[in-house]
Protein backbone atom coordinates (compact mmCIF):
# COMPACT_ATOMS: atom_id res chain seq x y z
CA MET A 1 0.00 0.00 0.00
CA PRO A 2 1.34 3.47 -0.83
CA HIS A 3 0.83 4.92 2.66
CA LYS A 4 2.97 2.16 4.27
CA ARG A 5 6.69 2.12 4.59
CA ALA A 6 8.73 -0.08 2.23
CA LYS A 7 10.43 -3.11 3.69
CA HIS A 8 14.01 -2.91 4.85
CA SER A 9 15.57 -4.77 1.89
CA ASP A 10 13.91 -2.34 -0.55
CA ARG A 11 15.10 0.65 1.41
CA VAL A 12 18.68 -0.71 1.49
CA ALA A 13 18.63 -1.45 -2.23
CA LYS A 14 17.28 2.05 -2.99
CA ARG A 15 19.98 3.61 -0.79
CA PHE A 16 22.68 1.52 -2.47
CA ALA A 17 21.40 2.50 -5.92
CA ALA A 18 21.35 6.20 -5.00
CA GLY A 19 24.94 6.06 -3.87
CA GLN A 20 26.82 7.89 -1.15
CA ASP A 21 28.04 11.46 -0.55
CA LEU A 22 25.15 12.99 -2.51
CA ALA A 23 23.93 16.55 -2.32
CA PRO A 24 20.93 17.14 -0.02
CA GLY A 25 17.57 16.98 -1.83
CA GLY A 26 14.13 18.46 -1.18
CA ASP A 27 12.83 15.36 0.57
CA ASP A 28 15.76 15.07 2.95
CA GLY A 29 15.49 16.66 6.36
CA PHE A 30 13.76 16.17 9.66
CA PHE A 31 10.61 14.48 8.28
CA SER A 32 12.28 12.23 5.70
CA ASP A 33 12.36 9.03 7.75
CA MET A 34 9.50 9.83 10.22
CA PRO A 35 6.32 7.63 10.24
CA LYS A 36 3.22 9.06 8.57
CA GLY A 37 1.14 8.99 11.77
CA ALA A 38 3.69 11.11 13.63
CA MET A 39 3.94 13.46 10.64
CA ARG A 40 0.12 14.03 10.67
CA ILE A 41 0.21 14.85 14.40
CA LEU A 42 3.09 17.31 14.03
CA GLN A 43 1.59 18.93 10.90
CA GLY A 44 -2.01 19.09 12.30
CA ALA A 45 -2.07 22.92 12.50
CA LYS A 46 -0.88 23.22 8.93
CA VAL A 47 -3.53 20.76 7.68
CA GLN A 48 -6.33 22.60 9.51
CA GLU A 49 -5.20 25.93 8.12
CA ALA A 50 -5.25 24.50 4.59
CA TYR A 51 -8.78 23.08 5.15
CA ARG A 52 -10.08 26.46 6.38
CA ALA A 53 -8.56 28.20 3.39
CA LYS A 54 -10.26 25.70 1.09
CA LEU A 55 -13.68 26.30 2.72
CA GLN A 56 -13.30 30.07 2.46
CA ALA A 57 -12.37 29.79 -1.20
CA LYS A 58 -15.44 27.61 -1.89
CA LYS A 59 -17.76 30.03 -0.07
CA LYS A 60 -16.32 32.96 -1.93
CA ALA A 61 -16.78 31.18 -5.24
CA GLU A 62 -20.47 30.49 -4.42
CA GLN A 63 -21.05 34.13 -3.49
CA ASP A 64 -19.40 35.30 -6.71
CA ALA A 65 -21.58 32.91 -8.75
CA ALA A 66 -24.77 34.16 -7.04
CA THR A 67 -23.75 37.76 -7.63
CA ARG A 68 -23.04 37.07 -11.29
CA ALA A 69 -26.43 35.28 -11.67
CA LYS A 70 -28.30 38.24 -10.12
CA THR A 71 -26.44 40.69 -12.30
CA LYS A 72 -27.12 38.60 -15.39
CA ALA A 73 -30.84 38.31 -14.55
CA LYS A 74 -31.07 42.06 -14.01
CA VAL A 75 -29.34 42.76 -17.28
CA ALA A 76 -31.60 40.26 -19.06
CA ALA A 77 -34.72 41.90 -17.58
CA ASP A 78 -33.53 45.34 -18.67
CA THR A 79 -32.73 44.01 -22.11
CA ASN A 80 -36.14 42.35 -22.45
CA SER A 81 -37.97 45.48 -21.43
CA SER A 82 -35.98 47.59 -23.88
CA SER A 83 -35.51 45.37 -26.90
CA GLY A 84 -38.58 43.08 -26.78
CA ALA A 85 -39.14 39.74 -28.41
CA ASN A 86 -36.33 40.03 -31.00
CA ASP A 87 -33.66 40.07 -28.33
CA ASP A 88 -35.27 37.02 -26.68
CA ALA A 89 -35.16 35.19 -29.98
CA THR A 90 -31.49 36.07 -30.48
CA GLU A 91 -30.67 35.09 -26.89
CA LEU A 92 -32.38 31.67 -27.09
CA THR A 93 -29.98 30.24 -29.66
CA ILE A 94 -27.71 27.28 -29.29
CA ARG A 95 -24.24 28.26 -28.24
CA PRO A 96 -21.01 26.92 -29.73
CA GLY A 97 -20.18 23.57 -28.17
CA GLU A 98 -23.52 23.42 -26.26
CA LYS A 99 -25.39 20.10 -26.21
CA LEU A 100 -28.93 19.95 -27.51
CA ARG A 101 -30.17 18.61 -24.17
CA ASP A 102 -28.66 21.58 -22.33
CA PHE A 103 -30.13 24.00 -24.89
CA ASN A 104 -33.63 22.47 -24.46
CA ALA A 105 -33.37 22.76 -20.69
CA ARG A 106 -32.30 26.42 -21.02
CA VAL A 107 -35.21 27.19 -23.33
CA GLU A 108 -37.72 25.51 -20.99
CA GLN A 109 -36.31 27.40 -18.03
CA ALA A 110 -36.52 30.72 -19.88
CA MET A 111 -40.09 30.11 -21.06
CA ALA A 112 -41.38 28.53 -17.84
CA SER A 113 -42.87 31.75 -16.44
CA ASP A 114 -44.69 32.58 -19.71
CA ILE A 115 -46.07 29.04 -20.05
CA HIS A 116 -47.28 29.04 -16.45
CA ALA A 117 -48.94 32.44 -16.85
CA SER A 118 -50.68 31.34 -20.06
CA PHE A 119 -51.89 28.11 -18.46
CA ARG A 120 -53.26 29.97 -15.43
CA SER A 121 -55.01 32.50 -17.65
CA ALA A 122 -56.65 29.78 -19.77
CA THR A 123 -57.68 27.82 -16.68
CA ARG A 124 -59.15 30.91 -15.07
CA SER A 125 -61.08 31.72 -18.25
CA GLN A 126 -62.57 28.19 -18.34
CA ILE A 127 -63.51 28.37 -14.66
CA ASN A 128 -65.18 31.75 -15.14
CA ALA A 129 -67.11 30.45 -18.17
CA ARG A 130 -68.35 27.43 -16.17
CA LYS A 131 -69.39 29.71 -13.30
CA ARG A 132 -71.33 31.98 -15.66
CA GLU A 133 -73.11 28.97 -17.18
CA ARG A 134 -74.03 27.62 -13.73
CA ARG A 135 -75.39 31.04 -12.71
CA LYS A 136 -77.56 31.14 -15.85
CA LEU A 137 -78.94 27.65 -15.09
CA ARG A 138 -79.75 28.61 -11.50
CA ALA A 139 -81.47 31.79 -12.67
CA ALA A 140 -83.58 29.67 -15.04
CA GLY A 141 -84.60 27.39 -12.13
CA ILE A 142 -82.47 24.41 -13.25
CA ASP A 143 -80.07 22.52 -11.00
CA PRO A 144 -76.63 22.53 -12.73
CA ASP A 145 -75.57 19.32 -10.95
CA ALA A 146 -78.68 17.34 -11.95
CA ASP A 147 -78.81 14.50 -14.48
CA PRO A 148 -79.50 15.66 -18.10
CA GLU A 149 -82.54 13.38 -18.33
CA ASP A 150 -83.91 14.81 -15.09
CA VAL A 151 -83.20 18.31 -16.38
CA ASP A 152 -85.22 17.59 -19.53
CA LYS A 153 -88.10 16.23 -17.46
CA GLU A 154 -88.02 19.24 -15.15
CA GLU A 155 -87.92 21.59 -18.13
CA ALA A 156 -90.94 19.86 -19.70
CA ALA A 157 -92.83 19.98 -16.39
CA ARG A 158 -91.96 23.65 -15.95
CA LYS A 159 -93.18 24.49 -19.46
CA ALA A 160 -96.43 22.57 -18.89
CA LYS A 161 -96.97 24.40 -15.61
CA ALA A 162 -96.28 27.76 -17.27
CA ASP A 163 -98.72 26.96 -20.10
CA LYS A 164 -101.40 25.95 -17.60
CA ALA A 165 -100.89 29.15 -15.61
CA ALA A 166 -101.08 31.20 -18.83
CA ALA A 167 -104.32 29.44 -19.85
CA LEU A 168 -105.87 30.11 -16.42
CA GLN A 169 -104.79 33.72 -16.55
CA ALA A 170 -106.28 34.07 -20.06
CA ASN A 171 -109.62 32.65 -18.86
CA GLU A 172 -109.82 35.04 -15.94
CA PRO A 173 -111.53 38.38 -16.57
CA SER A 174 -109.35 41.41 -16.95
CA LYS A 175 -109.40 44.50 -14.76
CA ALA A 176 -111.40 46.39 -17.37
CA ASP A 177 -114.08 43.67 -17.46
CA LEU A 178 -114.37 43.64 -13.67
CA LYS A 179 -114.67 47.42 -13.59
CA ARG A 180 -117.39 47.31 -16.25
CA GLN A 181 -119.32 44.66 -14.29
CA ARG A 182 -119.09 46.75 -11.11
CA GLN A 183 -120.45 49.79 -12.88
CA THR A 184 -123.34 47.73 -14.34
CA ILE A 185 -124.26 46.37 -10.89
CA GLN A 186 -124.17 49.85 -9.38
CA GLN A 187 -126.46 51.20 -12.12
CA THR A 188 -129.01 48.34 -12.32
CA GLY A 189 -128.76 46.90 -8.82
CA GLU A 190 -129.00 43.32 -10.17
CA ILE A 191 -126.44 40.62 -9.43
CA LYS A 192 -126.33 38.03 -12.20
CA ASP A 193 -123.10 36.28 -11.30
CA PHE A 194 -124.53 34.45 -8.27
CA ALA A 195 -127.52 32.06 -8.39
CA LYS A 196 -129.80 31.13 -5.50
CA ALA A 197 -128.91 28.09 -3.42
CA SER A 198 -130.90 24.97 -4.36
CA GLN A 199 -131.09 23.82 -0.72
CA VAL A 200 -131.31 25.87 2.43
CA LYS A 201 -129.17 24.51 5.27
CA LYS A 202 -129.90 25.64 8.75
CA ILE A 203 -127.24 26.40 11.28
CA ASN A 204 -127.17 25.00 14.81
CA ASP A 205 -129.60 22.12 14.07
CA VAL A 206 -130.61 20.04 17.10
CA ALA A 207 -130.47 16.22 16.83
CA GLN A 208 -133.85 14.67 17.64
CA ALA A 209 -132.66 11.02 17.73
CA PRO A 210 -129.41 9.06 17.85
CA PRO A 211 -127.84 8.04 14.52
CA THR A 212 -128.90 4.79 12.89
CA LEU A 213 -126.11 2.29 12.24
CA THR A 214 -126.90 0.77 8.85
CA ARG A 215 -123.60 -1.06 8.35
CA ALA A 216 -121.21 -2.60 10.85
CA PRO A 217 -117.48 -1.96 10.65
CA ARG A 218 -115.45 -4.46 8.64
CA GLY A 219 -114.07 -7.30 10.72
CA GLU A 220 -116.61 -6.90 13.55
CA SER A 221 -117.72 -10.12 15.23
CA VAL A 222 -121.31 -11.37 15.54
CA GLN A 223 -121.18 -10.98 19.32
CA ALA A 224 -120.17 -7.32 19.03
CA LYS A 225 -122.97 -6.66 16.54
CA THR A 226 -125.50 -8.36 18.84
CA ARG A 227 -124.29 -6.39 21.85
CA LYS A 228 -124.58 -3.07 19.99
CA ALA A 229 -128.05 -3.97 18.65
CA ARG A 230 -129.30 -4.78 22.17
CA LEU A 231 -127.81 -1.54 23.51
CA ILE A 232 -129.49 0.56 20.79
CA ALA A 233 -132.79 -1.22 21.41
CA LYS A 234 -132.51 -0.53 25.12
CA ILE A 235 -131.82 3.16 24.52
CA THR A 236 -134.67 3.57 22.05
CA GLY A 237 -137.11 1.46 24.12
CA ASN A 238 -137.50 -1.36 21.59
CA ASP A 239 -137.44 -5.12 22.15
CA GLU A 240 -133.88 -6.39 22.67
CA ASP A 241 -134.62 -9.98 21.59
CA GLU A 242 -136.17 -8.77 18.36
CA ALA A 243 -133.08 -6.64 17.60
CA GLU A 244 -130.84 -9.65 18.29
CA ASP A 245 -132.91 -11.82 15.92
CA LYS A 246 -132.58 -9.20 13.17
CA VAL A 247 -128.80 -9.14 13.55
CA LYS A 248 -128.59 -12.93 13.33
CA GLN A 249 -130.82 -13.03 10.23
CA ALA A 250 -128.69 -10.35 8.54
CA GLU A 251 -125.56 -12.34 9.39
CA LYS A 252 -127.08 -15.50 7.89
CA ALA A 253 -127.97 -13.62 4.70
CA ARG A 254 -124.41 -12.31 4.51
CA GLN A 255 -122.91 -15.74 5.06
CA LYS A 256 -125.02 -17.24 2.28
CA GLY A 257 -122.96 -18.93 -0.45
CA ARG A 258 -119.93 -19.75 1.71
CA VAL A 259 -118.31 -23.16 2.35
CA PRO A 260 -120.74 -25.53 4.20
CA GLN A 261 -118.33 -26.00 7.13
CA LYS A 262 -118.13 -22.25 7.76
CA LEU A 263 -121.90 -21.94 7.47
CA ALA A 264 -122.33 -24.69 10.03
CA ALA A 265 -119.83 -23.01 12.39
CA ALA A 266 -121.48 -19.59 11.98
CA THR A 267 -125.07 -20.81 12.44
CA ALA A 268 -124.45 -23.41 15.10
CA GLY A 269 -127.22 -23.41 17.69
CA ALA A 270 -130.20 -25.43 18.70
CA SER A 271 -130.33 -27.34 15.40
CA GLY A 272 -126.73 -28.56 15.65
CA THR A 273 -127.64 -31.89 17.23
CA LYS A 274 -130.28 -32.59 14.61
CA ARG A 275 -127.89 -31.92 11.72
CA LYS A 276 -125.29 -34.12 13.32
CA ASN A 277 -127.79 -36.98 13.61
CA ASP A 278 -128.89 -36.51 9.99
CA ALA A 279 -125.33 -36.46 8.70
CA HIS A 280 -124.40 -39.79 10.25
CA ASP A 281 -126.24 -43.07 10.24
CA ALA A 282 -126.43 -45.60 13.03
CA THR A 283 -123.06 -47.20 12.12
CA GLY A 284 -121.21 -43.82 12.40
CA GLU A 285 -120.62 -43.51 8.63
CA PRO A 286 -121.61 -40.23 6.85
CA SER A 287 -124.74 -40.27 4.70
CA MET A 288 -124.69 -40.47 0.89
CA ALA A 289 -125.42 -36.75 0.47
CA ARG A 290 -122.66 -35.86 2.92
CA GLN A 291 -120.25 -38.24 1.18
CA ARG A 292 -121.02 -36.65 -2.19
CA VAL A 293 -120.35 -33.15 -0.84
CA LEU A 294 -117.05 -34.28 0.69
CA ASP A 295 -115.96 -35.95 -2.59
CA GLU A 296 -116.72 -32.78 -4.55
CA GLU A 297 -114.71 -30.65 -2.11
CA ARG A 298 -111.81 -33.13 -2.23
CA GLN A 299 -111.75 -33.03 -6.06
CA LYS A 300 -111.76 -29.22 -5.98
CA ALA A 301 -108.81 -29.19 -3.58
CA ILE A 302 -106.87 -31.70 -5.72
CA LYS A 303 -107.53 -29.68 -8.87
CA ALA A 304 -106.43 -26.42 -7.23
CA TYR A 305 -103.24 -28.08 -5.95
CA ARG A 306 -102.40 -29.46 -9.40
CA GLN A 307 -102.92 -26.03 -10.99
CA VAL A 308 -100.57 -24.39 -8.49
CA LYS A 309 -97.98 -27.13 -9.02
CA GLU A 310 -98.13 -26.81 -12.82
CA LYS A 311 -97.76 -23.03 -12.55
CA LYS A 312 -94.62 -23.39 -10.41
CA ILE A 313 -93.12 -25.90 -12.86
CA ARG A 314 -93.75 -23.57 -15.81
CA GLU A 315 -92.16 -20.64 -14.01
CA SER A 316 -89.05 -22.66 -13.11
CA GLU A 317 -88.71 -23.91 -16.70
CA SER A 318 -89.02 -20.38 -18.10
CA LYS A 319 -86.34 -19.09 -15.67
CA ARG A 320 -84.01 -21.95 -16.61
CA ALA A 321 -84.54 -21.19 -20.33
CA LYS A 322 -83.72 -17.51 -19.81
CA LYS A 323 -80.50 -18.36 -17.96
CA ALA A 324 -79.47 -20.79 -20.72
């Protein structure tokens, strides 16, 4: 390694080759045969002084470069203001020995401020135009952020509403017509615009009897209807049993045409035991008429079930065909 001392044999050979009784050279002296570590310690002040001088020279060079750049920029600004675009064109030319990449970078740096200003101006113009358009839409009663289809629908609805208002306003009499009608009424004393009421309704009429309930509320039970009928009969002084019989007869008429089992459940009473005896014979089997009714109901249920099942199968097949 260059910073290490040569071995003894090399040093002896070099001394023998140089000879003896030679004139003193520049390298001879106190530090000629001293180790490098000791030389660095003894020459520390000199090394530090050289390092400080180097830093000062670097700082001074940076300050001179900044001063030259400021002076150059000031001169360029004065030149641009005085000469105009022709001087800029002559300045932005490739220099002798300059690379094309460096020339492009210099041109971009010189034109950066103009490009940025132009871009900001164009962007601001577009923003202002959009703001003006949005203000016009709001003034017309249209939401600028709405969907175009919704805007068309709202515009059509607004036009229809405006046409309807215009038609109503056209049908209404004008101020001149109203004034003419007022003058005619004042002169003749006749009012032709208002006709007499077909029916005279008195105010503060007194009820002479409680209201008559002609129809029960939907979903009301037979017991509730019977209870209300008995209460009304008691208030009016009529026979309660007769009112109850009327309610039961009306309920039977309403239940007419329903399923036989529901009819039997709704009209169960004193005749229930007799019907039960008629429906079954001595052996406990249902009668022929009862058996026929049950067979008919069973066939109806089977037919309805088959129709529902066929409908479900057709729907599933159609869905499977659509997916395929």
